[in-house]
């Protein structure tokens, strides 16, 4: 079975999963990281967008707190989130 040559990391954060999975790929694997929170630093080619299972676009709200906070389509969720 051939080893994967491309790895897509959706919601990459700091690429914890991509770093683990790249060991099961070709040495020259292309990593495509999708991460909308700009202060996070995933590996590979970065796209500053969130992905969805629906066509179209939507406002995506990003909290101003810690790096480990989750973004949301709900502004109310972000406004009421405990950003400690």
Foldseek 3Di string as FASTA:
>chain_A
DAFDQEAEAAQCQQNPVVVVCCVRHDPNRAYEYEHQPVVGHHDHHYDNHHDDPDDDDADWADAPADSPDDIGSDPVCNVPDDRD
